[in-house]
Amino acid sequence: MRFFLLFIALSSTALAADWTGFDGCGLYQVKGVGRIIKNTLVIVVNEKTQSEIIFSVPILNGIKLSPYIDRPLEANLQINEAINGANGKGTIQMIKDRLPNPLNPKDTGIQLLTKSECK
């Protein structure tokens, strides 16, 4: 049993490093969780990992995000500014529930759908 748990821990670390990541501005598919941080609605991708990214959304988009607080979600975000460290800003184009797979850490992450120029 200990070997199995160690194998899962090591595998999850290796697989988590395989996410697509941020590649400039554009339309991205993000899989994460909705949260409230410092009274702001945000989408957290790869939560509690070294590759965690927090996306804030405009206040009007908060209406779309509010039903997903503390719930796994999948969203398409239009990102027009470069990400600053682990923080980004995006406008929600689409959002829906996501059923997480606890045995597959690759079910969270960020993937570029359409590239565009940063403003």
PDB file of N, CA and C in Angstrom:
ATOM      1  N   MET A   1       0.832  -1.193   0.000  1.00  0.00           N
ATOM      2  CA  MET A   1       0.000   0.000   0.000  1.00  0.00           C
ATOM      3  C   MET A   1       0.876   1.257   0.000  1.00  0.00           C
ATOM      4  N   ARG A   2       1.957   1.255   0.803  1.00  0.00           N
ATOM      5  CA  ARG A   2       2.831   2.424   0.857  1.00  0.00           C
ATOM      6  C   ARG A   2       3.465   2.686  -0.507  1.00  0.00           C
ATOM      7  N   PHE A   3       3.882   1.615  -1.183  1.00  0.00           N
ATOM      8  CA  PHE A   3       4.482   1.770  -2.508  1.00  0.00           C
ATOM      9  C   PHE A   3       3.475   2.394  -3.471  1.00  0.00           C
ATOM     10  N   PHE A   4       2.225   1.938  -3.405  1.00  0.00           N
ATOM     11  CA  PHE A   4       1.178   2.463  -4.277  1.00  0.00           C
ATOM     12  C   PHE A   4       0.981   3.962  -4.051  1.00  0.00           C
ATOM     13  N   LEU A   5       0.916   4.388  -2.799  1.00  0.00           N
ATOM     14  CA  LEU A   5       0.738   5.811  -2.497  1.00  0.00           C
ATOM     15  C   LEU A   5       1.949   6.621  -2.941  1.00  0.00           C
ATOM     16  N   LEU A   6       3.152   6.089  -2.747  1.00  0.00           N
ATOM     17  CA  LEU A   6       4.357   6.762  -3.198  1.00  0.00           C
ATOM     18  C   LEU A   6       4.361   6.881  -4.720  1.00  0.00           C
ATOM     19  N   PHE A   7       3.954   5.825  -5.413  1.00  0.00           N
ATOM     20  CA  PHE A   7       3.889   5.831  -6.870  1.00  0.00           C
ATOM     21  C   PHE A   7       2.918   6.903  -7.352  1.00  0.00           C
ATOM     22  N   ILE A   8       1.748   6.998  -6.731  1.00  0.00           N
ATOM     23  CA  ILE A   8       0.764   8.018  -7.120  1.00  0.00           C
ATOM     24  C   ILE A   8       1.333   9.405  -6.875  1.00  0.00           C
ATOM     25  N   ALA A   9       1.981   9.619  -5.744  1.00  0.00           N
ATOM     26  CA  ALA A   9       2.551  10.931  -5.435  1.00  0.00           C
ATOM     27  C   ALA A   9       3.613  11.315  -6.452  1.00  0.00           C
ATOM     28  N   LEU A  10       4.512  10.399  -6.768  1.00  0.00           N
ATOM     29  CA  LEU A  10       5.560  10.691  -7.742  1.00  0.00           C
ATOM     30  C   LEU A  10       4.990  10.866  -9.141  1.00  0.00           C
ATOM     31  N   SER A  11       4.018  10.060  -9.510  1.00  0.00           N
ATOM     32  CA  SER A  11       3.399  10.164 -10.834  1.00  0.00           C
ATOM     33  C   SER A  11       2.667  11.484 -10.985  1.00  0.00           C
ATOM     34  N   SER A  12       1.950  11.902  -9.951  1.00  0.00           N
ATOM     35  CA  SER A  12       1.200  13.149 -10.049  1.00  0.00           C
ATOM     36  C   SER A  12       2.129  14.339 -10.204  1.00  0.00           C
ATOM     37  N   THR A  13       3.297  14.305  -9.551  1.00  0.00           N
ATOM     38  CA  THR A  13       4.265  15.383  -9.705  1.00  0.00           C
ATOM     39  C   THR A  13       4.808  15.421 -11.127  1.00  0.00           C
ATOM     40  N   ALA A  14       5.120  14.289 -11.664  1.00  0.00           N
ATOM     41  CA  ALA A  14       5.651  14.232 -13.030  1.00  0.00           C
ATOM     42  C   ALA A  14       4.610  14.648 -14.046  1.00  0.00           C
ATOM     43  N   LEU A  15       3.377  14.201 -13.872  1.00  0.00           N
ATOM     44  CA  LEU A  15       2.331  14.537 -14.832  1.00  0.00           C
ATOM     45  C   LEU A  15       1.919  15.990 -14.741  1.00  0.00           C
ATOM     46  N   ALA A  16       1.929  16.571 -13.548  1.00  0.00           N
ATOM     47  CA  ALA A  16       1.518  17.962 -13.385  1.00  0.00           C
ATOM     48  C   ALA A  16       2.451  18.894 -14.145  1.00  0.00           C
ATOM     49  N   ALA A  17       3.701  18.521 -14.318  1.00  0.00           N
ATOM     50  CA  ALA A  17       4.651  19.366 -15.022  1.00  0.00           C
ATOM     51  C   ALA A  17       4.432  19.339 -16.528  1.00  0.00           C
ATOM     52  N   ASP A  18       3.496  18.522 -17.011  1.00  0.00           N
ATOM     53  CA  ASP A  18       3.283  18.326 -18.432  1.00  0.00           C
ATOM     54  C   ASP A  18       2.155  19.198 -18.989  1.00  0.00           C
ATOM     55  N   TRP A  19       1.668  20.148 -18.233  1.00  0.00           N
ATOM     56  CA  TRP A  19       0.557  20.981 -18.701  1.00  0.00           C
ATOM     57  C   TRP A  19       1.031  21.910 -19.809  1.00  0.00           C
ATOM     58  N   THR A  20       0.098  22.365 -20.647  1.00  0.00           N
ATOM     59  CA  THR A  20       0.447  23.151 -21.826  1.00  0.00           C
ATOM     60  C   THR A  20       0.990  24.515 -21.453  1.00  0.00           C
ATOM     61  N   GLY A  21       0.330  25.215 -20.554  1.00  0.00           N
ATOM     62  CA  GLY A  21       0.856  26.489 -20.070  1.00  0.00           C
ATOM     63  C   GLY A  21       0.482  27.701 -20.890  1.00  0.00           C
ATOM     64  N   PHE A  22       0.995  28.843 -20.487  1.00  0.00           N
ATOM     65  CA  PHE A  22       0.685  30.130 -21.093  1.00  0.00           C
ATOM     66  C   PHE A  22       1.648  30.407 -22.236  1.00  0.00           C
ATOM     67  N   ASP A  23       1.118  30.839 -23.354  1.00  0.00           N
ATOM     68  CA  ASP A  23       1.930  31.104 -24.539  1.00  0.00           C
ATOM     69  C   ASP A  23       1.487  32.409 -25.185  1.00  0.00           C
ATOM     70  N   GLY A  24       1.530  33.502 -24.432  1.00  0.00           N
ATOM     71  CA  GLY A  24       1.118  34.799 -24.962  1.00  0.00           C
ATOM     72  C   GLY A  24      -0.380  35.003 -24.855  1.00  0.00           C
ATOM     73  N   CYS A  25      -0.877  36.026 -25.479  1.00  0.00           N
ATOM     74  CA  CYS A  25      -2.294  36.376 -25.393  1.00  0.00           C
ATOM     75  C   CYS A  25      -3.123  35.533 -26.356  1.00  0.00           C
ATOM     76  N   GLY A  26      -4.416  35.452 -26.068  1.00  0.00           N
ATOM     77  CA  GLY A  26      -5.325  34.709 -26.918  1.00  0.00           C
ATOM     78  C   GLY A  26      -6.473  34.126 -26.130  1.00  0.00           C
ATOM     79  N   LEU A  27      -7.173  33.203 -26.763  1.00  0.00           N
ATOM     80  CA  LEU A  27      -8.280  32.504 -26.126  1.00  0.00           C
ATOM     81  C   LEU A  27      -7.743  31.200 -25.550  1.00  0.00           C
ATOM     82  N   TYR A  28      -7.940  30.990 -24.247  1.00  0.00           N
ATOM     83  CA  TYR A  28      -7.431  29.817 -23.548  1.00  0.00           C
ATOM     84  C   TYR A  28      -8.566  29.024 -22.930  1.00  0.00           C
ATOM     85  N   GLN A  29      -8.402  27.713 -22.921  1.00  0.00           N
ATOM     86  CA  GLN A  29      -9.273  26.845 -22.143  1.00  0.00           C
ATOM     87  C   GLN A  29      -8.566  26.629 -20.813  1.00  0.00           C
ATOM     88  N   VAL A  30      -9.231  26.940 -19.721  1.00  0.00           N
ATOM     89  CA  VAL A  30      -8.660  26.730 -18.400  1.00  0.00           C
ATOM     90  C   VAL A  30      -9.542  25.755 -17.631  1.00  0.00           C
ATOM     91  N   LYS A  31      -8.899  24.866 -16.905  1.00  0.00           N
ATOM     92  CA  LYS A  31      -9.599  23.915 -16.049  1.00  0.00           C
ATOM     93  C   LYS A  31      -9.078  24.127 -14.647  1.00  0.00           C
ATOM     94  N   GLY A  32      -9.952  24.549 -13.758  1.00  0.00           N
ATOM     95  CA  GLY A  32      -9.539  24.859 -12.402  1.00  0.00           C
ATOM     96  C   GLY A  32     -10.723  24.880 -11.462  1.00  0.00           C
ATOM     97  N   VAL A  33     -10.712  25.850 -10.558  1.00  0.00           N
ATOM     98  CA  VAL A  33     -11.761  25.974  -9.552  1.00  0.00           C
ATOM     99  C   VAL A  33     -12.043  27.456  -9.329  1.00  0.00           C
ATOM    100  N   GLY A  34     -13.295  27.786  -9.062  1.00  0.00           N
ATOM    101  CA  GLY A  34     -13.661  29.159  -8.723  1.00  0.00           C
ATOM    102  C   GLY A  34     -13.382  29.412  -7.251  1.00  0.00           C
ATOM    103  N   ARG A  35     -12.848  30.579  -6.935  1.00  0.00           N
ATOM    104  CA  ARG A  35     -12.538  30.929  -5.544  1.00  0.00           C
ATOM    105  C   ARG A  35     -12.810  32.413  -5.313  1.00  0.00           C
ATOM    106  N   ILE A  36     -12.898  32.774  -4.043  1.00  0.00           N
ATOM    107  CA  ILE A  36     -12.924  34.177  -3.633  1.00  0.00           C
ATOM    108  C   ILE A  36     -11.623  34.416  -2.878  1.00  0.00           C
ATOM    109  N   ILE A  37     -10.788  35.311  -3.407  1.00  0.00           N
ATOM    110  CA  ILE A  37      -9.522  35.656  -2.767  1.00  0.00           C
ATOM    111  C   ILE A  37      -9.499  37.159  -2.589  1.00  0.00           C
ATOM    112  N   LYS A  38      -9.358  37.604  -1.335  1.00  0.00           N
ATOM    113  CA  LYS A  38      -9.347  39.034  -1.004  1.00  0.00           C
ATOM    114  C   LYS A  38     -10.556  39.747  -1.596  1.00  0.00           C
ATOM    115  N   ASN A  39     -11.737  39.161  -1.384  1.00  0.00           N
ATOM    116  CA  ASN A  39     -13.018  39.722  -1.843  1.00  0.00           C
ATOM    117  C   ASN A  39     -13.106  39.864  -3.356  1.00  0.00           C
ATOM    118  N   THR A  40     -12.321  39.071  -4.096  1.00  0.00           N
ATOM    119  CA  THR A  40     -12.342  39.105  -5.550  1.00  0.00           C
ATOM    120  C   THR A  40     -12.636  37.702  -6.072  1.00  0.00           C
ATOM    121  N   LEU A  41     -13.538  37.591  -7.045  1.00  0.00           N
ATOM    122  CA  LEU A  41     -13.816  36.313  -7.680  1.00  0.00           C
ATOM    123  C   LEU A  41     -12.688  35.984  -8.655  1.00  0.00           C
ATOM    124  N   VAL A  42     -12.137  34.779  -8.547  1.00  0.00           N
ATOM    125  CA  VAL A  42     -11.015  34.379  -9.385  1.00  0.00           C
ATOM    126  C   VAL A  42     -11.182  32.928  -9.828  1.00  0.00           C
ATOM    127  N   ILE A  43     -10.434  32.568 -10.861  1.00  0.00           N
ATOM    128  CA  ILE A  43     -10.314  31.182 -11.289  1.00  0.00           C
ATOM    129  C   ILE A  43      -8.887  30.756 -10.966  1.00  0.00           C
ATOM    130  N   VAL A  44      -8.748  29.668 -10.216  1.00  0.00           N
ATOM    131  CA  VAL A  44      -7.428  29.163  -9.836  1.00  0.00           C
ATOM    132  C   VAL A  44      -7.168  27.886 -10.636  1.00  0.00           C
ATOM    133  N   VAL A  45      -6.056  27.886 -11.365  1.00  0.00           N
ATOM    134  CA  VAL A  45      -5.641  26.737 -12.174  1.00  0.00           C
ATOM    135  C   VAL A  45      -4.433  26.095 -11.497  1.00  0.00           C
ATOM    136  N   ASN A  46      -4.420  24.778 -11.447  1.00  0.00           N
ATOM    137  CA  ASN A  46      -3.342  24.019 -10.790  1.00  0.00           C
ATOM    138  C   ASN A  46      -3.176  24.465  -9.336  1.00  0.00           C
ATOM    139  N   GLU A  47      -4.285  24.515  -8.635  1.00  0.00           N
ATOM    140  CA  GLU A  47      -4.307  24.999  -7.252  1.00  0.00           C
ATOM    141  C   GLU A  47      -3.370  24.206  -6.349  1.00  0.00           C
ATOM    142  N   LYS A  48      -2.662  24.942  -5.500  1.00  0.00           N
ATOM    143  CA  LYS A  48      -1.745  24.388  -4.498  1.00  0.00           C
ATOM    144  C   LYS A  48      -0.600  23.595  -5.127  1.00  0.00           C
ATOM    145  N   THR A  49      -0.137  24.042  -6.292  1.00  0.00           N
ATOM    146  CA  THR A  49       1.039  23.451  -6.928  1.00  0.00           C
ATOM    147  C   THR A  49       2.005  24.583  -7.251  1.00  0.00           C
ATOM    148  N   GLN A  50       3.201  24.243  -7.686  1.00  0.00           N
ATOM    149  CA  GLN A  50       4.164  25.269  -8.067  1.00  0.00           C
ATOM    150  C   GLN A  50       3.768  25.958  -9.366  1.00  0.00           C
ATOM    151  N   SER A  51       2.869  25.379 -10.127  1.00  0.00           N
ATOM    152  CA  SER A  51       2.430  25.988 -11.377  1.00  0.00           C
ATOM    153  C   SER A  51       1.050  26.644 -11.249  1.00  0.00           C
ATOM    154  N   GLU A  52       0.662  27.004 -10.016  1.00  0.00           N
ATOM    155  CA  GLU A  52      -0.627  27.646  -9.790  1.00  0.00           C
ATOM    156  C   GLU A  52      -0.693  29.006 -10.474  1.00  0.00           C
ATOM    157  N   ILE A  53      -1.807  29.273 -11.151  1.00  0.00           N
ATOM    158  CA  ILE A  53      -2.069  30.570 -11.769  1.00  0.00           C
ATOM    159  C   ILE A  53      -3.445  31.025 -11.323  1.00  0.00           C
ATOM    160  N   ILE A  54      -3.542  32.299 -10.957  1.00  0.00           N
ATOM    161  CA  ILE A  54      -4.808  32.884 -10.513  1.00  0.00           C
ATOM    162  C   ILE A  54      -5.254  33.899 -11.548  1.00  0.00           C
ATOM    163  N   PHE A  55      -6.449  33.693 -12.105  1.00  0.00           N
ATOM    164  CA  PHE A  55      -7.016  34.608 -13.091  1.00  0.00           C
ATOM    165  C   PHE A  55      -8.144  35.410 -12.455  1.00  0.00           C
ATOM    166  N   SER A  56      -7.996  36.719 -12.468  1.00  0.00           N
ATOM    167  CA  SER A  56      -9.103  37.576 -12.060  1.00  0.00           C
ATOM    168  C   SER A  56      -9.923  37.894 -13.305  1.00  0.00           C
ATOM    169  N   VAL A  57     -11.175  38.224 -13.100  1.00  0.00           N
ATOM    170  CA  VAL A  57     -12.066  38.543 -14.216  1.00  0.00           C
ATOM    171  C   VAL A  57     -12.704  39.905 -13.965  1.00  0.00           C
ATOM    172  N   PRO A  58     -13.135  40.594 -15.025  1.00  0.00           N
ATOM    173  CA  PRO A  58     -13.812  41.876 -14.823  1.00  0.00           C
ATOM    174  C   PRO A  58     -15.058  41.706 -13.947  1.00  0.00           C
ATOM    175  N   ILE A  59     -15.443  42.769 -13.289  1.00  0.00           N
ATOM    176  CA  ILE A  59     -16.586  42.719 -12.366  1.00  0.00           C
ATOM    177  C   ILE A  59     -17.835  42.174 -13.042  1.00  0.00           C
ATOM    178  N   LEU A  60     -18.105  42.586 -14.275  1.00  0.00           N
ATOM    179  CA  LEU A  60     -19.291  42.085 -14.970  1.00  0.00           C
ATOM    180  C   LEU A  60     -19.206  40.587 -15.229  1.00  0.00           C
ATOM    181  N   ASN A  61     -18.006  40.047 -15.416  1.00  0.00           N
ATOM    182  CA  ASN A  61     -17.832  38.601 -15.590  1.00  0.00           C
ATOM    183  C   ASN A  61     -18.017  37.855 -14.280  1.00  0.00           C
ATOM    184  N   GLY A  62     -17.934  38.562 -13.168  1.00  0.00           N
ATOM    185  CA  GLY A  62     -18.145  37.939 -11.874  1.00  0.00           C
ATOM    186  C   GLY A  62     -19.518  37.294 -11.765  1.00  0.00           C
ATOM    187  N   ILE A  63     -20.470  37.836 -12.484  1.00  0.00           N
ATOM    188  CA  ILE A  63     -21.821  37.260 -12.491  1.00  0.00           C
ATOM    189  C   ILE A  63     -21.782  35.858 -13.092  1.00  0.00           C
ATOM    190  N   LYS A  64     -21.003  35.663 -14.153  1.00  0.00           N
ATOM    191  CA  LYS A  64     -20.863  34.336 -14.758  1.00  0.00           C
ATOM    192  C   LYS A  64     -20.119  33.380 -13.835  1.00  0.00           C
ATOM    193  N   LEU A  65     -19.128  33.902 -13.107  1.00  0.00           N
ATOM    194  CA  LEU A  65     -18.272  33.064 -12.261  1.00  0.00           C
ATOM    195  C   LEU A  65     -18.909  32.726 -10.911  1.00  0.00           C
ATOM    196  N   SER A  66     -19.772  33.573 -10.396  1.00  0.00           N
ATOM    197  CA  SER A  66     -20.292  33.403  -9.036  1.00  0.00           C
ATOM    198  C   SER A  66     -20.952  32.044  -8.763  1.00  0.00           C
ATOM    199  N   PRO A  67     -21.673  31.417  -9.681  1.00  0.00           N
ATOM    200  CA  PRO A  67     -22.229  30.090  -9.363  1.00  0.00           C
ATOM    201  C   PRO A  67     -21.174  28.988  -9.234  1.00  0.00           C
ATOM    202  N   TYR A  68     -19.940  29.263  -9.625  1.00  0.00           N
ATOM    203  CA  TYR A  68     -18.889  28.247  -9.647  1.00  0.00           C
ATOM    204  C   TYR A  68     -17.891  28.388  -8.497  1.00  0.00           C
ATOM    205  N   ILE A  69     -18.188  29.226  -7.515  1.00  0.00           N
ATOM    206  CA  ILE A  69     -17.282  29.401  -6.379  1.00  0.00           C
ATOM    207  C   ILE A  69     -17.182  28.087  -5.615  1.00  0.00           C
ATOM    208  N   ASP A  70     -15.939  27.677  -5.344  1.00  0.00           N
ATOM    209  CA  ASP A  70     -15.612  26.432  -4.641  1.00  0.00           C
ATOM    210  C   ASP A  70     -16.082  25.196  -5.400  1.00  0.00           C
ATOM    211  N   ARG A  71     -16.158  25.329  -6.728  1.00  0.00           N
ATOM    212  CA  ARG A  71     -16.544  24.193  -7.578  1.00  0.00           C
ATOM    213  C   ARG A  71     -15.556  24.072  -8.738  1.00  0.00           C
ATOM    214  N   PRO A  72     -15.271  22.842  -9.156  1.00  0.00           N
ATOM    215  CA  PRO A  72     -14.415  22.646 -10.332  1.00  0.00           C
ATOM    216  C   PRO A  72     -15.119  23.190 -11.573  1.00  0.00           C
ATOM    217  N   LEU A  73     -14.345  23.834 -12.449  1.00  0.00           N
ATOM    218  CA  LEU A  73     -14.938  24.430 -13.636  1.00  0.00           C
ATOM    219  C   LEU A  73     -14.007  24.319 -14.822  1.00  0.00           C
ATOM    220  N   GLU A  74     -14.587  24.517 -15.988  1.00  0.00           N
ATOM    221  CA  GLU A  74     -13.842  24.639 -17.230  1.00  0.00           C
ATOM    222  C   GLU A  74     -14.340  25.922 -17.882  1.00  0.00           C
ATOM    223  N   ALA A  75     -13.416  26.759 -18.319  1.00  0.00           N
ATOM    224  CA  ALA A  75     -13.814  28.038 -18.912  1.00  0.00           C
ATOM    225  C   ALA A  75     -12.909  28.376 -20.083  1.00  0.00           C
ATOM    226  N   ASN A  76     -13.455  29.142 -21.013  1.00  0.00           N
ATOM    227  CA  ASN A  76     -12.648  29.744 -22.064  1.00  0.00           C
ATOM    228  C   ASN A  76     -12.443  31.198 -21.666  1.00  0.00           C
ATOM    229  N   LEU A  77     -11.172  31.607 -21.533  1.00  0.00           N
ATOM    230  CA  LEU A  77     -10.829  32.973 -21.132  1.00  0.00           C
ATOM    231  C   LEU A  77     -10.114  33.678 -22.268  1.00  0.00           C
ATOM    232  N   GLN A  78     -10.556  34.894 -22.562  1.00  0.00           N
ATOM    233  CA  GLN A  78      -9.839  35.749 -23.500  1.00  0.00           C
ATOM    234  C   GLN A  78      -8.828  36.540 -22.688  1.00  0.00           C
ATOM    235  N   ILE A  79      -7.537  36.312 -22.970  1.00  0.00           N
ATOM    236  CA  ILE A  79      -6.466  36.985 -22.238  1.00  0.00           C
ATOM    237  C   ILE A  79      -5.803  37.970 -23.184  1.00  0.00           C
ATOM    238  N   ASN A  80      -5.830  39.262 -22.805  1.00  0.00           N
ATOM    239  CA  ASN A  80      -5.302  40.321 -23.666  1.00  0.00           C
ATOM    240  C   ASN A  80      -4.031  40.957 -23.139  1.00  0.00           C
ATOM    241  N   GLU A  81      -3.626  40.581 -21.920  1.00  0.00           N
ATOM    242  CA  GLU A  81      -2.406  41.113 -21.310  1.00  0.00           C
ATOM    243  C   GLU A  81      -1.544  39.951 -20.852  1.00  0.00           C
ATOM    244  N   ALA A  82      -0.233  40.123 -20.926  1.00  0.00           N
ATOM    245  CA  ALA A  82       0.681  39.077 -20.480  1.00  0.00           C
ATOM    246  C   ALA A  82       0.450  38.773 -19.000  1.00  0.00           C
ATOM    247  N   ILE A  83       0.636  37.529 -18.632  1.00  0.00           N
ATOM    248  CA  ILE A  83       0.491  37.115 -17.237  1.00  0.00           C
ATOM    249  C   ILE A  83       1.672  37.652 -16.445  1.00  0.00           C
ATOM    250  N   ASN A  84       1.372  38.222 -15.270  1.00  0.00           N
ATOM    251  CA  ASN A  84       2.387  38.789 -14.395  1.00  0.00           C
ATOM    252  C   ASN A  84       2.691  37.778 -13.300  1.00  0.00           C
ATOM    253  N   GLY A  85       3.747  36.998 -13.479  1.00  0.00           N
ATOM    254  CA  GLY A  85       4.078  35.967 -12.494  1.00  0.00           C
ATOM    255  C   GLY A  85       3.037  34.874 -12.504  1.00  0.00           C
ATOM    256  N   ALA A  86       2.319  34.719 -11.398  1.00  0.00           N
ATOM    257  CA  ALA A  86       1.278  33.704 -11.296  1.00  0.00           C
ATOM    258  C   ALA A  86      -0.112  34.323 -11.340  1.00  0.00           C
ATOM    259  N   ASN A  87      -0.215  35.574 -11.802  1.00  0.00           N
ATOM    260  CA  ASN A  87      -1.506  36.261 -11.842  1.00  0.00           C
ATOM    261  C   ASN A  87      -1.807  36.720 -13.259  1.00  0.00           C
ATOM    262  N   GLY A  88      -3.053  36.529 -13.652  1.00  0.00           N
ATOM    263  CA  GLY A  88      -3.482  36.955 -14.971  1.00  0.00           C
ATOM    264  C   GLY A  88      -4.875  37.547 -14.916  1.00  0.00           C
ATOM    265  N   LYS A  89      -5.264  38.165 -16.010  1.00  0.00           N
ATOM    266  CA  LYS A  89      -6.605  38.730 -16.137  1.00  0.00           C
ATOM    267  C   LYS A  89      -7.215  38.180 -17.412  1.00  0.00           C
ATOM    268  N   GLY A  90      -8.472  37.780 -17.329  1.00  0.00           N
ATOM    269  CA  GLY A  90      -9.139  37.247 -18.503  1.00  0.00           C
ATOM    270  C   GLY A  90     -10.624  37.539 -18.477  1.00  0.00           C
ATOM    271  N   THR A  91     -11.214  37.538 -19.652  1.00  0.00           N
ATOM    272  CA  THR A  91     -12.651  37.722 -19.792  1.00  0.00           C
ATOM    273  C   THR A  91     -13.268  36.376 -20.134  1.00  0.00           C
ATOM    274  N   ILE A  92     -14.273  35.976 -19.378  1.00  0.00           N
ATOM    275  CA  ILE A  92     -14.905  34.671 -19.566  1.00  0.00           C
ATOM    276  C   ILE A  92     -15.751  34.695 -20.843  1.00  0.00           C
ATOM    277  N   GLN A  93     -15.455  33.785 -21.754  1.00  0.00           N
ATOM    278  CA  GLN A  93     -16.254  33.616 -22.969  1.00  0.00           C
ATOM    279  C   GLN A  93     -17.274  32.497 -22.787  1.00  0.00           C
ATOM    280  N   MET A  94     -16.877  31.441 -22.053  1.00  0.00           N
ATOM    281  CA  MET A  94     -17.731  30.287 -21.792  1.00  0.00           C
ATOM    282  C   MET A  94     -17.288  29.700 -20.461  1.00  0.00           C
ATOM    283  N   ILE A  95     -18.250  29.167 -19.708  1.00  0.00           N
ATOM    284  CA  ILE A  95     -17.921  28.528 -18.431  1.00  0.00           C
ATOM    285  C   ILE A  95     -18.906  27.408 -18.186  1.00  0.00           C
ATOM    286  N   LYS A  96     -18.392  26.291 -17.629  1.00  0.00           N
ATOM    287  CA  LYS A  96     -19.260  25.159 -17.320  1.00  0.00           C
ATOM    288  C   LYS A  96     -18.636  24.337 -16.200  1.00  0.00           C
ATOM    289  N   ASP A  97     -19.449  23.453 -15.612  1.00  0.00           N
ATOM    290  CA  ASP A  97     -18.966  22.552 -14.566  1.00  0.00           C
ATOM    291  C   ASP A  97     -17.959  21.569 -15.145  1.00  0.00           C
ATOM    292  N   ARG A  98     -17.073  21.109 -14.272  1.00  0.00           N
ATOM    293  CA  ARG A  98     -16.073  20.112 -14.638  1.00  0.00           C
ATOM    294  C   ARG A  98     -16.062  19.052 -13.559  1.00  0.00           C
ATOM    295  N   LEU A  99     -16.036  17.790 -13.970  1.00  0.00           N
ATOM    296  CA  LEU A  99     -15.936  16.686 -13.026  1.00  0.00           C
ATOM    297  C   LEU A  99     -14.455  16.324 -12.896  1.00  0.00           C
ATOM    298  N   PRO A 100     -13.816  16.660 -11.758  1.00  0.00           N
ATOM    299  CA  PRO A 100     -12.378  16.410 -11.615  1.00  0.00           C
ATOM    300  C   PRO A 100     -12.067  14.929 -11.474  1.00  0.00           C
ATOM    301  N   ASN A 101     -10.882  14.547 -11.918  1.00  0.00           N
ATOM    302  CA  ASN A 101     -10.395  13.183 -11.773  1.00  0.00           C
ATOM    303  C   ASN A 101      -9.251  13.211 -10.771  1.00  0.00           C
ATOM    304  N   PRO A 102      -9.458  12.761  -9.531  1.00  0.00           N
ATOM    305  CA  PRO A 102      -8.409  12.857  -8.511  1.00  0.00           C
ATOM    306  C   PRO A 102      -7.179  12.003  -8.813  1.00  0.00           C
ATOM    307  N   LEU A 103      -7.289  11.038  -9.699  1.00  0.00           N
ATOM    308  CA  LEU A 103      -6.138  10.207 -10.051  1.00  0.00           C
ATOM    309  C   LEU A 103      -5.372  10.753 -11.249  1.00  0.00           C
ATOM    310  N   ASN A 104      -5.864  11.846 -11.846  1.00  0.00           N
ATOM    311  CA  ASN A 104      -5.200  12.415 -13.015  1.00  0.00           C
ATOM    312  C   ASN A 104      -5.020  13.921 -12.822  1.00  0.00           C
ATOM    313  N   PRO A 105      -3.856  14.350 -12.344  1.00  0.00           N
ATOM    314  CA  PRO A 105      -3.658  15.781 -12.133  1.00  0.00           C
ATOM    315  C   PRO A 105      -3.636  16.573 -13.434  1.00  0.00           C
ATOM    316  N   LYS A 106      -3.552  15.907 -14.589  1.00  0.00           N
ATOM    317  CA  LYS A 106      -3.571  16.618 -15.862  1.00  0.00           C
ATOM    318  C   LYS A 106      -4.974  17.099 -16.227  1.00  0.00           C
ATOM    319  N   ASP A 107      -5.966  16.819 -15.369  1.00  0.00           N
ATOM    320  CA  ASP A 107      -7.301  17.295 -15.700  1.00  0.00           C
ATOM    321  C   ASP A 107      -7.483  18.764 -15.309  1.00  0.00           C
ATOM    322  N   THR A 108      -6.448  19.406 -14.765  1.00  0.00           N
ATOM    323  CA  THR A 108      -6.456  20.853 -14.586  1.00  0.00           C
ATOM    324  C   THR A 108      -5.355  21.416 -15.474  1.00  0.00           C
ATOM    325  N   GLY A 109      -5.437  22.682 -15.780  1.00  0.00           N
ATOM    326  CA  GLY A 109      -4.393  23.286 -16.591  1.00  0.00           C
ATOM    327  C   GLY A 109      -4.934  24.367 -17.500  1.00  0.00           C
ATOM    328  N   ILE A 110      -4.099  24.797 -18.402  1.00  0.00           N
ATOM    329  CA  ILE A 110      -4.435  25.868 -19.328  1.00  0.00           C
ATOM    330  C   ILE A 110      -3.921  25.470 -20.704  1.00  0.00           C
ATOM    331  N   GLN A 111      -4.752  25.702 -21.719  1.00  0.00           N
ATOM    332  CA  GLN A 111      -4.382  25.322 -23.073  1.00  0.00           C
ATOM    333  C   GLN A 111      -4.806  26.425 -24.033  1.00  0.00           C
ATOM    334  N   LEU A 112      -3.887  26.824 -24.902  1.00  0.00           N
ATOM    335  CA  LEU A 112      -4.161  27.855 -25.903  1.00  0.00           C
ATOM    336  C   LEU A 112      -5.095  27.309 -26.977  1.00  0.00           C
ATOM    337  N   LEU A 113      -6.190  28.040 -27.244  1.00  0.00           N
ATOM    338  CA  LEU A 113      -7.110  27.672 -28.318  1.00  0.00           C
ATOM    339  C   LEU A 113      -6.846  28.512 -29.563  1.00  0.00           C
ATOM    340  N   THR A 114      -6.729  29.840 -29.372  1.00  0.00           N
ATOM    341  CA  THR A 114      -6.490  30.763 -30.479  1.00  0.00           C
ATOM    342  C   THR A 114      -5.547  31.863 -30.007  1.00  0.00           C
ATOM    343  N   LYS A 115      -4.451  32.054 -30.693  1.00  0.00           N
ATOM    344  CA  LYS A 115      -3.460  33.067 -30.320  1.00  0.00           C
ATOM    345  C   LYS A 115      -3.870  34.434 -30.880  1.00  0.00           C
ATOM    346  N   SER A 116      -3.581  35.498 -30.107  1.00  0.00           N
ATOM    347  CA  SER A 116      -3.828  36.863 -30.568  1.00  0.00           C
ATOM    348  C   SER A 116      -2.723  37.774 -30.011  1.00  0.00           C
ATOM    349  N   GLU A 117      -2.685  38.995 -30.471  1.00  0.00           N
ATOM    350  CA  GLU A 117      -1.680  39.959 -30.021  1.00  0.00           C
ATOM    351  C   GLU A 117      -2.056  40.523 -28.651  1.00  0.00           C
ATOM    352  N   CYS A 118      -1.044  40.730 -27.806  1.00  0.00           N
ATOM    353  CA  CYS A 118      -1.259  41.374 -26.500  1.00  0.00           C
ATOM    354  C   CYS A 118      -1.452  42.875 -26.706  1.00  0.00           C
ATOM    355  N   LYS A 119      -2.240  43.478 -25.829  1.00  0.00           N
ATOM    356  CA  LYS A 119      -2.469  44.928 -25.893  1.00  0.00           C
ATOM    357  C   LYS A 119      -1.506  45.665 -25.003  1.00  0.00           C
TER     358      LYS A 119
END
